Amino acid sequence: MVKHPVLLGLAASLLIGSPAWSLDLFDAKIESGRLQITGRTDKANQEVEIVGSGEKVVSNSSRRFRFSTSYLPETCKFDLKAGKETLRDLLIANCGPRAEGRSRSEGRHRAKRRTGRARPTRRSRSKGRCRPEGRARPQG
């Protein structure tokens, strides 16, 4: 049967070809306006840092760590560091880039105002159309 050699080959490639990572990321998302990051380190009580933010936590005895912070990167990408290992350009779920110098809601509101088309007034729509009898158009 073909299934067994494929499964054995996959298992062998995972055992041989996978590097030993000291940092595993489970989840990175924005929930209730806060950045939530969960993962696991190689060792217990290891310090984990969101690079560039100054936010640090220490993994517990089961090597798990959790961030819940108000830090929201502008580009929805971040780097995570534990020991000598750094995971780079990690993407955050439920996140969209913000306009420079504005909050998310303010940026959306301003964009709607700028892109909205001016609607013609009632008078400008009636120009060039035939008027009902009895209402003469001014001469001039």
C-alpha atoms as a PDB file:
ATOM      1  CA  MET A   1       0.000   0.000   0.000  1.00  0.00           C
ATOM      2  CA  VAL A   2       1.251   3.525  -0.760  1.00  0.00           C
ATOM      3  CA  LYS A   3       0.165   5.130   2.518  1.00  0.00           C
ATOM      4  CA  HIS A   4       2.813   3.532   4.748  1.00  0.00           C
ATOM      5  CA  PRO A   5       5.934   4.548   2.748  1.00  0.00           C
ATOM      6  CA  VAL A   6       4.605   8.101   2.439  1.00  0.00           C
ATOM      7  CA  LEU A   7       3.932   8.334   6.172  1.00  0.00           C
ATOM      8  CA  LEU A   8       7.330   6.845   7.019  1.00  0.00           C
ATOM      9  CA  GLY A   9       9.056   9.267   4.663  1.00  0.00           C
ATOM     10  CA  LEU A  10       7.191  12.208   6.194  1.00  0.00           C
ATOM     11  CA  ALA A  11       8.081  11.110   9.733  1.00  0.00           C
ATOM     12  CA  ALA A  12      11.737  10.638   8.790  1.00  0.00           C
ATOM     13  CA  SER A  13      11.946  14.067   7.178  1.00  0.00           C
ATOM     14  CA  LEU A  14      10.452  15.662  10.274  1.00  0.00           C
ATOM     15  CA  LEU A  15      12.931  13.921  12.575  1.00  0.00           C
ATOM     16  CA  ILE A  16      15.989  14.559  10.423  1.00  0.00           C
ATOM     17  CA  GLY A  17      15.241  17.865   8.722  1.00  0.00           C
ATOM     18  CA  SER A  18      13.606  19.929  11.452  1.00  0.00           C
ATOM     19  CA  PRO A  19      15.865  22.244  13.434  1.00  0.00           C
ATOM     20  CA  ALA A  20      15.574  22.385  17.204  1.00  0.00           C
ATOM     21  CA  TRP A  21      13.686  25.620  17.845  1.00  0.00           C
ATOM     22  CA  SER A  22      13.888  27.090  21.302  1.00  0.00           C
ATOM     23  CA  LEU A  23      10.796  29.232  20.743  1.00  0.00           C
ATOM     24  CA  ASP A  24       7.362  28.115  19.506  1.00  0.00           C
ATOM     25  CA  LEU A  25       4.582  30.594  18.778  1.00  0.00           C
ATOM     26  CA  PHE A  26       1.030  29.281  19.180  1.00  0.00           C
ATOM     27  CA  ASP A  27      -1.057  32.403  18.647  1.00  0.00           C
ATOM     28  CA  ALA A  28      -0.669  36.124  17.960  1.00  0.00           C
ATOM     29  CA  LYS A  29      -3.889  38.115  17.621  1.00  0.00           C
ATOM     30  CA  ILE A  30      -5.666  41.290  18.613  1.00  0.00           C
ATOM     31  CA  GLU A  31      -8.549  40.600  20.946  1.00  0.00           C
ATOM     32  CA  SER A  32     -10.569  43.322  22.718  1.00  0.00           C
ATOM     33  CA  GLY A  33      -8.054  45.938  21.601  1.00  0.00           C
ATOM     34  CA  ARG A  34      -5.075  44.127  23.144  1.00  0.00           C
ATOM     35  CA  LEU A  35      -2.263  42.127  21.578  1.00  0.00           C
ATOM     36  CA  GLN A  36      -2.463  38.505  22.783  1.00  0.00           C
ATOM     37  CA  ILE A  37       0.569  36.256  22.175  1.00  0.00           C
ATOM     38  CA  THR A  38       0.955  32.689  23.442  1.00  0.00           C
ATOM     39  CA  GLY A  39       3.724  30.186  22.931  1.00  0.00           C
ATOM     40  CA  ARG A  40       6.343  27.912  24.475  1.00  0.00           C
ATOM     41  CA  THR A  41      10.061  28.219  25.113  1.00  0.00           C
ATOM     42  CA  ASP A  42      12.761  25.538  25.121  1.00  0.00           C
ATOM     43  CA  LYS A  43      13.471  25.985  28.839  1.00  0.00           C
ATOM     44  CA  ALA A  44      11.365  26.848  31.873  1.00  0.00           C
ATOM     45  CA  ASN A  45      11.675  30.360  33.358  1.00  0.00           C
ATOM     46  CA  GLN A  46      13.117  31.771  30.126  1.00  0.00           C
ATOM     47  CA  GLU A  47      12.626  35.463  29.333  1.00  0.00           C
ATOM     48  CA  VAL A  48      10.661  36.265  26.160  1.00  0.00           C
ATOM     49  CA  GLU A  49      10.647  39.760  24.635  1.00  0.00           C
ATOM     50  CA  ILE A  50       8.664  41.541  21.943  1.00  0.00           C
ATOM     51  CA  VAL A  51      11.577  43.234  20.174  1.00  0.00           C
ATOM     52  CA  GLY A  52      11.254  47.005  19.937  1.00  0.00           C
ATOM     53  CA  SER A  53       8.477  47.343  22.499  1.00  0.00           C
ATOM     54  CA  GLY A  54      10.237  46.642  25.775  1.00  0.00           C
ATOM     55  CA  GLU A  55       7.497  44.124  26.708  1.00  0.00           C
ATOM     56  CA  LYS A  56       8.941  41.053  28.478  1.00  0.00           C
ATOM     57  CA  VAL A  57       7.513  37.979  30.210  1.00  0.00           C
ATOM     58  CA  VAL A  58       9.052  34.855  31.718  1.00  0.00           C
ATOM     59  CA  SER A  59       7.859  31.383  30.736  1.00  0.00           C
ATOM     60  CA  ASN A  60       6.353  29.257  33.503  1.00  0.00           C
ATOM     61  CA  SER A  61       7.514  25.838  34.751  1.00  0.00           C
ATOM     62  CA  SER A  62       5.738  24.117  31.847  1.00  0.00           C
ATOM     63  CA  ARG A  63       7.689  26.437  29.454  1.00  0.00           C
ATOM     64  CA  ARG A  64       4.566  28.339  28.319  1.00  0.00           C
ATOM     65  CA  PHE A  65       4.366  32.127  28.046  1.00  0.00           C
ATOM     66  CA  ARG A  66       1.590  34.627  27.418  1.00  0.00           C
ATOM     67  CA  PHE A  67       1.569  38.323  26.528  1.00  0.00           C
ATOM     68  CA  SER A  68      -1.502  40.505  26.928  1.00  0.00           C
ATOM     69  CA  THR A  69      -0.432  44.037  26.128  1.00  0.00           C
ATOM     70  CA  SER A  70      -1.762  47.286  24.722  1.00  0.00           C
ATOM     71  CA  TYR A  71       1.248  47.487  22.366  1.00  0.00           C
ATOM     72  CA  LEU A  72      -0.022  47.378  18.764  1.00  0.00           C
ATOM     73  CA  PRO A  73       2.669  47.540  16.052  1.00  0.00           C
ATOM     74  CA  GLU A  74       1.962  49.904  13.145  1.00  0.00           C
ATOM     75  CA  THR A  75       2.625  47.247  10.476  1.00  0.00           C
ATOM     76  CA  CYS A  76       0.929  44.263  12.199  1.00  0.00           C
ATOM     77  CA  LYS A  77       4.318  42.518  12.278  1.00  0.00           C
ATOM     78  CA  PHE A  78       6.602  41.925  15.243  1.00  0.00           C
ATOM     79  CA  ASP A  79       9.763  40.086  16.276  1.00  0.00           C
ATOM     80  CA  LEU A  80       9.876  37.766  19.277  1.00  0.00           C
ATOM     81  CA  LYS A  81      13.107  36.937  21.109  1.00  0.00           C
ATOM     82  CA  ALA A  82      13.925  34.233  23.665  1.00  0.00           C
ATOM     83  CA  GLY A  83      17.540  33.629  24.600  1.00  0.00           C
ATOM     84  CA  LYS A  84      19.651  33.765  21.433  1.00  0.00           C
ATOM     85  CA  GLU A  85      16.781  32.937  19.075  1.00  0.00           C
ATOM     86  CA  THR A  86      14.648  35.606  17.377  1.00  0.00           C
ATOM     87  CA  LEU A  87      11.542  34.891  15.311  1.00  0.00           C
ATOM     88  CA  ARG A  88      11.195  37.709  12.780  1.00  0.00           C
ATOM     89  CA  ASP A  89       8.289  39.287  10.879  1.00  0.00           C
ATOM     90  CA  LEU A  90       5.514  37.432  12.686  1.00  0.00           C
ATOM     91  CA  LEU A  91       2.025  38.496  11.602  1.00  0.00           C
ATOM     92  CA  ILE A  92      -0.792  39.377  13.972  1.00  0.00           C
ATOM     93  CA  ALA A  93      -4.318  38.056  13.314  1.00  0.00           C
ATOM     94  CA  ASN A  94      -7.258  40.521  13.335  1.00  0.00           C
ATOM     95  CA  CYS A  95      -4.926  43.404  12.553  1.00  0.00           C
ATOM     96  CA  GLY A  96      -4.770  45.981   9.767  1.00  0.00           C
ATOM     97  CA  PRO A  97      -2.126  48.645   9.159  1.00  0.00           C
ATOM     98  CA  ARG A  98      -3.002  52.090  10.510  1.00  0.00           C
ATOM     99  CA  ALA A  99      -2.634  55.412   8.737  1.00  0.00           C
ATOM    100  CA  GLU A 100       0.296  57.479   9.995  1.00  0.00           C
ATOM    101  CA  GLY A 101      -0.443  59.670  12.990  1.00  0.00           C
ATOM    102  CA  ARG A 102      -4.082  58.599  13.355  1.00  0.00           C
ATOM    103  CA  SER A 103      -5.996  56.015  15.270  1.00  0.00           C
ATOM    104  CA  ARG A 104      -7.720  53.240  13.342  1.00  0.00           C
ATOM    105  CA  SER A 105     -11.233  54.634  13.722  1.00  0.00           C
ATOM    106  CA  GLU A 106     -10.190  58.192  12.874  1.00  0.00           C
ATOM    107  CA  GLY A 107      -8.378  57.011   9.735  1.00  0.00           C
ATOM    108  CA  ARG A 108     -11.450  55.167   8.466  1.00  0.00           C
ATOM    109  CA  HIS A 109     -13.737  58.119   9.180  1.00  0.00           C
ATOM    110  CA  ARG A 110     -11.519  60.591   7.337  1.00  0.00           C
ATOM    111  CA  ALA A 111     -11.118  58.274   4.357  1.00  0.00           C
ATOM    112  CA  LYS A 112     -14.884  57.998   3.961  1.00  0.00           C
ATOM    113  CA  ARG A 113     -15.270  61.749   3.993  1.00  0.00           C
ATOM    114  CA  ARG A 114     -12.551  62.308   1.402  1.00  0.00           C
ATOM    115  CA  THR A 115     -13.664  59.633  -1.024  1.00  0.00           C
ATOM    116  CA  GLY A 116     -17.398  60.360  -0.875  1.00  0.00           C
ATOM    117  CA  ARG A 117     -18.748  61.858  -4.103  1.00  0.00           C
ATOM    118  CA  ALA A 118     -20.595  65.134  -3.985  1.00  0.00           C
ATOM    119  CA  ARG A 119     -24.204  64.450  -4.803  1.00  0.00           C
ATOM    120  CA  PRO A 120     -25.983  66.837  -7.137  1.00  0.00           C
ATOM    121  CA  THR A 121     -28.595  69.073  -5.600  1.00  0.00           C
ATOM    122  CA  ARG A 122     -32.181  68.978  -6.760  1.00  0.00           C
ATOM    123  CA  ARG A 123     -31.704  72.084  -8.902  1.00  0.00           C
ATOM    124  CA  SER A 124     -28.647  70.813 -10.732  1.00  0.00           C
ATOM    125  CA  ARG A 125     -30.369  67.519 -11.544  1.00  0.00           C
ATOM    126  CA  SER A 126     -33.292  69.313 -13.197  1.00  0.00           C
ATOM    127  CA  LYS A 127     -31.132  71.389 -15.563  1.00  0.00           C
ATOM    128  CA  GLY A 128     -31.630  70.402 -19.162  1.00  0.00           C
ATOM    129  CA  ARG A 129     -34.790  68.480 -18.450  1.00  0.00           C
ATOM    130  CA  CYS A 130     -38.219  69.505 -19.676  1.00  0.00           C
ATOM    131  CA  ARG A 131     -40.251  71.387 -17.103  1.00  0.00           C
ATOM    132  CA  PRO A 132     -43.919  70.654 -16.644  1.00  0.00           C
ATOM    133  CA  GLU A 133     -46.275  73.039 -18.391  1.00  0.00           C
ATOM    134  CA  GLY A 134     -47.257  76.159 -16.501  1.00  0.00           C
ATOM    135  CA  ARG A 135     -43.757  76.811 -15.143  1.00  0.00           C
ATOM    136  CA  ALA A 136     -41.902  79.034 -17.515  1.00  0.00           C
ATOM    137  CA  ARG A 137     -38.119  79.094 -17.577  1.00  0.00           C
ATOM    138  CA  PRO A 138     -36.633  82.565 -17.005  1.00  0.00           C
ATOM    139  CA  GLN A 139     -35.351  84.222 -20.179  1.00  0.00           C
ATOM    140  CA  GLY A 140     -31.992  85.714 -20.180  1.00  0.00           C
END
